[in-house]
PDB file of N, CA and C in Angstrom:
ATOM      1  N   UNK A   1      14.671  -2.036  10.337  1.00  0.00           N
ATOM      2  CA  UNK A   1      13.590  -2.904   9.966  1.00  0.00           C
ATOM      3  C   UNK A   1      12.363  -1.731   9.677  1.00  0.00           C
ATOM      4  N   UNK A   2      11.622  -1.725   8.744  1.00  0.00           N
ATOM      5  CA  UNK A   2      10.758  -0.650   8.555  1.00  0.00           C
ATOM      6  C   UNK A   2       9.415  -1.290   8.770  1.00  0.00           C
ATOM      7  N   UNK A   3       8.540  -0.369   9.294  1.00  0.00           N
ATOM      8  CA  UNK A   3       7.167  -1.119   9.789  1.00  0.00           C
ATOM      9  C   UNK A   3       6.308  -0.586   8.478  1.00  0.00           C
ATOM     10  N   UNK A   4       5.419  -1.678   8.212  1.00  0.00           N
ATOM     11  CA  UNK A   4       4.592  -1.264   7.173  1.00  0.00           C
ATOM     12  C   UNK A   4       3.567  -0.181   7.281  1.00  0.00           C
ATOM     13  N   UNK A   5       3.421   0.616   6.269  1.00  0.00           N
ATOM     14  CA  UNK A   5       2.350   1.875   6.337  1.00  0.00           C
ATOM     15  C   UNK A   5       1.020   1.414   6.487  1.00  0.00           C
ATOM     16  N   UNK A   6       0.419   2.156   7.585  1.00  0.00           N
ATOM     17  CA  UNK A   6      -0.760   2.283   7.747  1.00  0.00           C
ATOM     18  C   UNK A   6      -1.840   2.622   6.646  1.00  0.00           C
ATOM     19  N   UNK A   7      -3.032   2.141   6.801  1.00  0.00           N
ATOM     20  CA  UNK A   7      -4.095   2.665   5.902  1.00  0.00           C
ATOM     21  C   UNK A   7      -4.619   3.952   6.548  1.00  0.00           C
ATOM     22  N   UNK A   8      -4.750   4.840   5.534  1.00  0.00           N
ATOM     23  CA  UNK A   8      -5.324   6.182   5.919  1.00  0.00           C
ATOM     24  C   UNK A   8      -5.791   6.955   4.696  1.00  0.00           C
ATOM     25  N   UNK A   9      -6.635   7.953   4.778  1.00  0.00           N
ATOM     26  CA  UNK A   9      -7.038   8.669   4.128  1.00  0.00           C
ATOM     27  C   UNK A   9      -8.339   8.122   3.164  1.00  0.00           C
ATOM     28  N   UNK A  10      -8.335   8.318   1.823  1.00  0.00           N
ATOM     29  CA  UNK A  10      -9.296   7.872   1.049  1.00  0.00           C
ATOM     30  C   UNK A  10      -9.262   6.401   0.811  1.00  0.00           C
ATOM     31  N   UNK A  11      -8.228   5.638   0.751  1.00  0.00           N
ATOM     32  CA  UNK A  11      -8.212   4.190   0.699  1.00  0.00           C
ATOM     33  C   UNK A  11      -8.840   3.676   1.890  1.00  0.00           C
ATOM     34  N   UNK A  12      -8.718   4.000   3.017  1.00  0.00           N
ATOM     35  CA  UNK A  12      -9.325   3.512   4.363  1.00  0.00           C
ATOM     36  C   UNK A  12     -10.787   3.633   4.183  1.00  0.00           C
ATOM     37  N   UNK A  13     -11.405   4.971   3.862  1.00  0.00           N
ATOM     38  CA  UNK A  13     -12.874   5.073   3.644  1.00  0.00           C
ATOM     39  C   UNK A  13     -13.433   4.211   2.733  1.00  0.00           C
ATOM     40  N   UNK A  14     -12.750   4.035   1.353  1.00  0.00           N
ATOM     41  CA  UNK A  14     -13.259   3.140   0.391  1.00  0.00           C
ATOM     42  C   UNK A  14     -13.230   1.673   0.810  1.00  0.00           C
ATOM     43  N   UNK A  15     -12.469   1.200   1.430  1.00  0.00           N
ATOM     44  CA  UNK A  15     -12.372   0.134   2.077  1.00  0.00           C
ATOM     45  C   UNK A  15     -13.387  -0.174   3.246  1.00  0.00           C
ATOM     46  N   UNK A  16     -13.758   0.826   3.926  1.00  0.00           N
ATOM     47  CA  UNK A  16     -14.754   0.850   4.901  1.00  0.00           C
ATOM     48  C   UNK A  16     -16.088   0.717   4.388  1.00  0.00           C
ATOM     49  N   UNK A  17     -16.190   1.231   3.449  1.00  0.00           N
ATOM     50  CA  UNK A  17     -17.674   1.264   2.991  1.00  0.00           C
ATOM     51  C   UNK A  17     -17.622  -0.155   2.304  1.00  0.00           C
ATOM     52  N   UNK A  18     -16.718  -0.380   1.515  1.00  0.00           N
ATOM     53  CA  UNK A  18     -16.744  -1.916   1.158  1.00  0.00           C
ATOM     54  C   UNK A  18     -17.118  -3.042   2.118  1.00  0.00           C
ATOM     55  N   UNK A  19     -16.649  -2.884   3.297  1.00  0.00           N
ATOM     56  CA  UNK A  19     -16.758  -3.939   4.299  1.00  0.00           C
ATOM     57  C   UNK A  19     -18.197  -3.754   4.859  1.00  0.00           C
ATOM     58  N   UNK A  20     -18.653  -2.508   4.826  1.00  0.00           N
ATOM     59  CA  UNK A  20     -20.142  -2.293   5.326  1.00  0.00           C
ATOM     60  C   UNK A  20     -21.184  -3.013   4.203  1.00  0.00           C
ATOM     61  N   UNK A  21     -20.789  -2.675   2.990  1.00  0.00           N
ATOM     62  CA  UNK A  21     -21.677  -3.144   1.995  1.00  0.00           C
ATOM     63  C   UNK A  21     -21.662  -4.880   2.069  1.00  0.00           C
ATOM     64  N   UNK A  22     -20.510  -5.258   2.196  1.00  0.00           N
ATOM     65  CA  UNK A  22     -20.555  -6.954   2.418  1.00  0.00           C
ATOM     66  C   UNK A  22     -21.012  -7.345   3.558  1.00  0.00           C
ATOM     67  N   UNK A  23     -21.220  -6.658   4.724  1.00  0.00           N
ATOM     68  CA  UNK A  23     -21.814  -7.002   5.855  1.00  0.00           C
ATOM     69  C   UNK A  23     -23.328  -6.893   5.857  1.00  0.00           C
ATOM     70  N   UNK A  24     -23.802  -5.675   5.196  1.00  0.00           N
ATOM     71  CA  UNK A  24     -25.224  -5.538   4.957  1.00  0.00           C
ATOM     72  C   UNK A  24     -25.660  -6.504   3.929  1.00  0.00           C
ATOM     73  N   UNK A  25     -25.025  -6.910   2.986  1.00  0.00           N
ATOM     74  CA  UNK A  25     -25.378  -7.558   1.905  1.00  0.00           C
ATOM     75  C   UNK A  25     -25.623  -9.171   2.635  1.00  0.00           C
ATOM     76  N   UNK A  26     -24.649  -9.665   3.207  1.00  0.00           N
ATOM     77  CA  UNK A  26     -24.575 -10.933   3.871  1.00  0.00           C
ATOM     78  C   UNK A  26     -25.764 -10.743   4.895  1.00  0.00           C
ATOM     79  N   UNK A  27     -26.130 -10.009   5.618  1.00  0.00           N
ATOM     80  CA  UNK A  27     -27.346 -10.021   6.327  1.00  0.00           C
ATOM     81  C   UNK A  27     -28.638 -10.135   5.714  1.00  0.00           C
ATOM     82  N   UNK A  28     -28.484  -9.343   4.845  1.00  0.00           N
ATOM     83  CA  UNK A  28     -29.767  -9.307   3.684  1.00  0.00           C
ATOM     84  C   UNK A  28     -30.096 -10.786   3.502  1.00  0.00           C
ATOM     85  N   UNK A  29     -28.951 -11.350   2.850  1.00  0.00           N
ATOM     86  CA  UNK A  29     -29.015 -12.905   2.220  1.00  0.00           C
ATOM     87  C   UNK A  29     -29.587 -13.793   3.322  1.00  0.00           C
ATOM     88  N   UNK A  30     -29.068 -13.691   4.389  1.00  0.00           N
ATOM     89  CA  UNK A  30     -29.335 -14.629   5.551  1.00  0.00           C
ATOM     90  C   UNK A  30     -30.856 -14.364   6.007  1.00  0.00           C
ATOM     91  N   UNK A  31     -31.372 -13.159   6.136  1.00  0.00           N
ATOM     92  CA  UNK A  31     -32.664 -12.996   6.503  1.00  0.00           C
ATOM     93  C   UNK A  31     -33.772 -13.021   5.514  1.00  0.00           C
ATOM     94  N   UNK A  32     -33.560 -12.605   4.228  1.00  0.00           N
ATOM     95  CA  UNK A  32     -34.328 -12.587   3.139  1.00  0.00           C
ATOM     96  C   UNK A  32     -34.073 -13.503   1.675  1.00  0.00           C
ATOM     97  N   UNK A  33     -32.967 -13.876   1.650  1.00  0.00           N
ATOM     98  CA  UNK A  33     -32.399 -14.513   0.491  1.00  0.00           C
ATOM     99  C   UNK A  33     -32.645 -13.789  -0.929  1.00  0.00           C
ATOM    100  N   UNK A  34     -32.744 -12.671  -0.779  1.00  0.00           N
ATOM    101  CA  UNK A  34     -33.020 -11.730  -1.743  1.00  0.00           C
ATOM    102  C   UNK A  34     -31.708 -11.766  -2.705  1.00  0.00           C
ATOM    103  N   UNK A  35     -31.831 -11.592  -4.002  1.00  0.00           N
ATOM    104  CA  UNK A  35     -30.738 -11.403  -4.858  1.00  0.00           C
ATOM    105  C   UNK A  35     -30.151  -9.912  -4.700  1.00  0.00           C
ATOM    106  N   UNK A  36     -30.755  -9.217  -4.103  1.00  0.00           N
ATOM    107  CA  UNK A  36     -30.251  -7.862  -3.799  1.00  0.00           C
ATOM    108  C   UNK A  36     -28.856  -7.972  -2.933  1.00  0.00           C
ATOM    109  N   UNK A  37     -28.938  -8.897  -2.085  1.00  0.00           N
ATOM    110  CA  UNK A  37     -27.708  -9.210  -1.215  1.00  0.00           C
ATOM    111  C   UNK A  37     -26.616  -9.697  -1.742  1.00  0.00           C
ATOM    112  N   UNK A  38     -26.946 -10.684  -2.769  1.00  0.00           N
ATOM    113  CA  UNK A  38     -25.661 -10.996  -3.675  1.00  0.00           C
ATOM    114  C   UNK A  38     -25.065  -9.844  -4.355  1.00  0.00           C
ATOM    115  N   UNK A  39     -25.762  -9.004  -4.778  1.00  0.00           N
ATOM    116  CA  UNK A  39     -25.274  -7.788  -5.582  1.00  0.00           C
ATOM    117  C   UNK A  39     -24.348  -6.928  -4.579  1.00  0.00           C
ATOM    118  N   UNK A  40     -24.878  -6.739  -3.223  1.00  0.00           N
ATOM    119  CA  UNK A  40     -24.443  -5.770  -2.372  1.00  0.00           C
ATOM    120  C   UNK A  40     -22.982  -6.473  -2.028  1.00  0.00           C
ATOM    121  N   UNK A  41     -22.944  -7.978  -1.929  1.00  0.00           N
ATOM    122  CA  UNK A  41     -21.635  -8.782  -1.443  1.00  0.00           C
ATOM    123  C   UNK A  41     -20.702  -8.526  -2.482  1.00  0.00           C
ATOM    124  N   UNK A  42     -21.232  -8.673  -3.685  1.00  0.00           N
ATOM    125  CA  UNK A  42     -20.074  -8.590  -4.776  1.00  0.00           C
ATOM    126  C   UNK A  42     -19.751  -7.037  -4.932  1.00  0.00           C
ATOM    127  N   UNK A  43     -20.522  -6.143  -4.884  1.00  0.00           N
ATOM    128  CA  UNK A  43     -20.249  -4.765  -5.177  1.00  0.00           C
ATOM    129  C   UNK A  43     -19.219  -4.505  -3.896  1.00  0.00           C
ATOM    130  N   UNK A  44     -19.490  -4.746  -2.585  1.00  0.00           N
ATOM    131  CA  UNK A  44     -18.728  -4.659  -1.507  1.00  0.00           C
ATOM    132  C   UNK A  44     -17.308  -5.068  -1.921  1.00  0.00           C
ATOM    133  N   UNK A  45     -17.258  -6.239  -2.242  1.00  0.00           N
ATOM    134  CA  UNK A  45     -15.896  -6.946  -2.234  1.00  0.00           C
ATOM    135  C   UNK A  45     -15.136  -6.155  -3.582  1.00  0.00           C
ATOM    136  N   UNK A  46     -15.684  -5.663  -4.763  1.00  0.00           N
ATOM    137  CA  UNK A  46     -15.175  -4.916  -5.464  1.00  0.00           C
ATOM    138  C   UNK A  46     -14.787  -3.497  -4.978  1.00  0.00           C
ATOM    139  N   UNK A  47     -15.553  -2.811  -4.154  1.00  0.00           N
ATOM    140  CA  UNK A  47     -15.121  -1.566  -3.586  1.00  0.00           C
ATOM    141  C   UNK A  47     -13.894  -1.929  -2.619  1.00  0.00           C
ATOM    142  N   UNK A  48     -13.747  -2.936  -1.932  1.00  0.00           N
ATOM    143  CA  UNK A  48     -12.599  -3.029  -1.190  1.00  0.00           C
ATOM    144  C   UNK A  48     -11.585  -3.476  -2.008  1.00  0.00           C
ATOM    145  N   UNK A  49     -11.573  -4.028  -3.104  1.00  0.00           N
ATOM    146  CA  UNK A  49     -10.310  -4.202  -3.788  1.00  0.00           C
ATOM    147  C   UNK A  49      -9.828  -2.919  -4.583  1.00  0.00           C
ATOM    148  N   UNK A  50     -10.851  -2.051  -4.848  1.00  0.00           N
ATOM    149  CA  UNK A  50     -10.356  -0.710  -5.267  1.00  0.00           C
ATOM    150  C   UNK A  50      -9.667   0.189  -4.053  1.00  0.00           C
ATOM    151  N   UNK A  51     -10.220  -0.025  -2.923  1.00  0.00           N
ATOM    152  CA  UNK A  51      -9.507   0.612  -1.823  1.00  0.00           C
ATOM    153  C   UNK A  51      -8.016   0.140  -1.652  1.00  0.00           C
ATOM    154  N   UNK A  52      -7.804  -1.307  -1.949  1.00  0.00           N
ATOM    155  CA  UNK A  52      -6.534  -1.809  -1.747  1.00  0.00           C
ATOM    156  C   UNK A  52      -5.732  -1.364  -2.864  1.00  0.00           C
ATOM    157  N   UNK A  53      -6.123  -1.263  -3.999  1.00  0.00           N
ATOM    158  CA  UNK A  53      -5.381  -0.681  -5.319  1.00  0.00           C
ATOM    159  C   UNK A  53      -4.924   0.605  -4.910  1.00  0.00           C
ATOM    160  N   UNK A  54      -6.030   1.354  -4.417  1.00  0.00           N
ATOM    161  CA  UNK A  54      -5.570   2.920  -4.050  1.00  0.00           C
ATOM    162  C   UNK A  54      -4.533   2.953  -3.195  1.00  0.00           C
ATOM    163  N   UNK A  55      -4.564   2.080  -2.155  1.00  0.00           N
ATOM    164  CA  UNK A  55      -3.557   2.167  -1.038  1.00  0.00           C
ATOM    165  C   UNK A  55      -2.136   1.765  -1.730  1.00  0.00           C
ATOM    166  N   UNK A  56      -2.137   0.564  -2.474  1.00  0.00           N
ATOM    167  CA  UNK A  56      -0.874   0.346  -3.340  1.00  0.00           C
ATOM    168  C   UNK A  56      -0.312   1.200  -4.063  1.00  0.00           C
ATOM    169  N   UNK A  57      -1.355   2.120  -4.884  1.00  0.00           N
ATOM    170  CA  UNK A  57      -0.821   3.200  -5.698  1.00  0.00           C
ATOM    171  C   UNK A  57      -0.095   4.191  -5.017  1.00  0.00           C
ATOM    172  N   UNK A  58      -0.715   4.525  -3.666  1.00  0.00           N
ATOM    173  CA  UNK A  58       0.131   5.563  -2.808  1.00  0.00           C
ATOM    174  C   UNK A  58       1.487   4.946  -2.413  1.00  0.00           C
ATOM    175  N   UNK A  59       1.877   3.925  -2.496  1.00  0.00           N
ATOM    176  CA  UNK A  59       3.060   3.295  -2.079  1.00  0.00           C
ATOM    177  C   UNK A  59       4.006   3.210  -3.188  1.00  0.00           C
ATOM    178  N   UNK A  60       3.393   3.044  -4.349  1.00  0.00           N
ATOM    179  CA  UNK A  60       4.515   2.729  -5.354  1.00  0.00           C
ATOM    180  C   UNK A  60       5.841   3.647  -5.575  1.00  0.00           C
ATOM    181  N   UNK A  61       5.699   4.947  -5.160  1.00  0.00           N
ATOM    182  CA  UNK A  61       6.932   5.898  -5.173  1.00  0.00           C
ATOM    183  C   UNK A  61       7.810   5.643  -4.115  1.00  0.00           C
ATOM    184  N   UNK A  62       7.484   4.875  -3.141  1.00  0.00           N
ATOM    185  CA  UNK A  62       8.382   4.870  -1.898  1.00  0.00           C
ATOM    186  C   UNK A  62       9.438   3.737  -1.898  1.00  0.00           C
ATOM    187  N   UNK A  63       9.517   3.156  -3.055  1.00  0.00           N
ATOM    188  CA  UNK A  63      10.515   2.152  -3.110  1.00  0.00           C
ATOM    189  C   UNK A  63      12.011   2.453  -3.306  1.00  0.00           C
TER     190      UNK A  63
END
């Protein structure tokens, strides 16, 4: 049985930046209700998605 590969390198960095953007945007939304918070949450989600795509691209040749 194979263990799933762990996240490392650029995909992990991109995903961590996305998580930080989502957390910062959520905090900004709760404290100020500013539209900038919504943009930060959406942008962070897109960055996280890009990180997962990078991670899957690295696994593509392993099959």
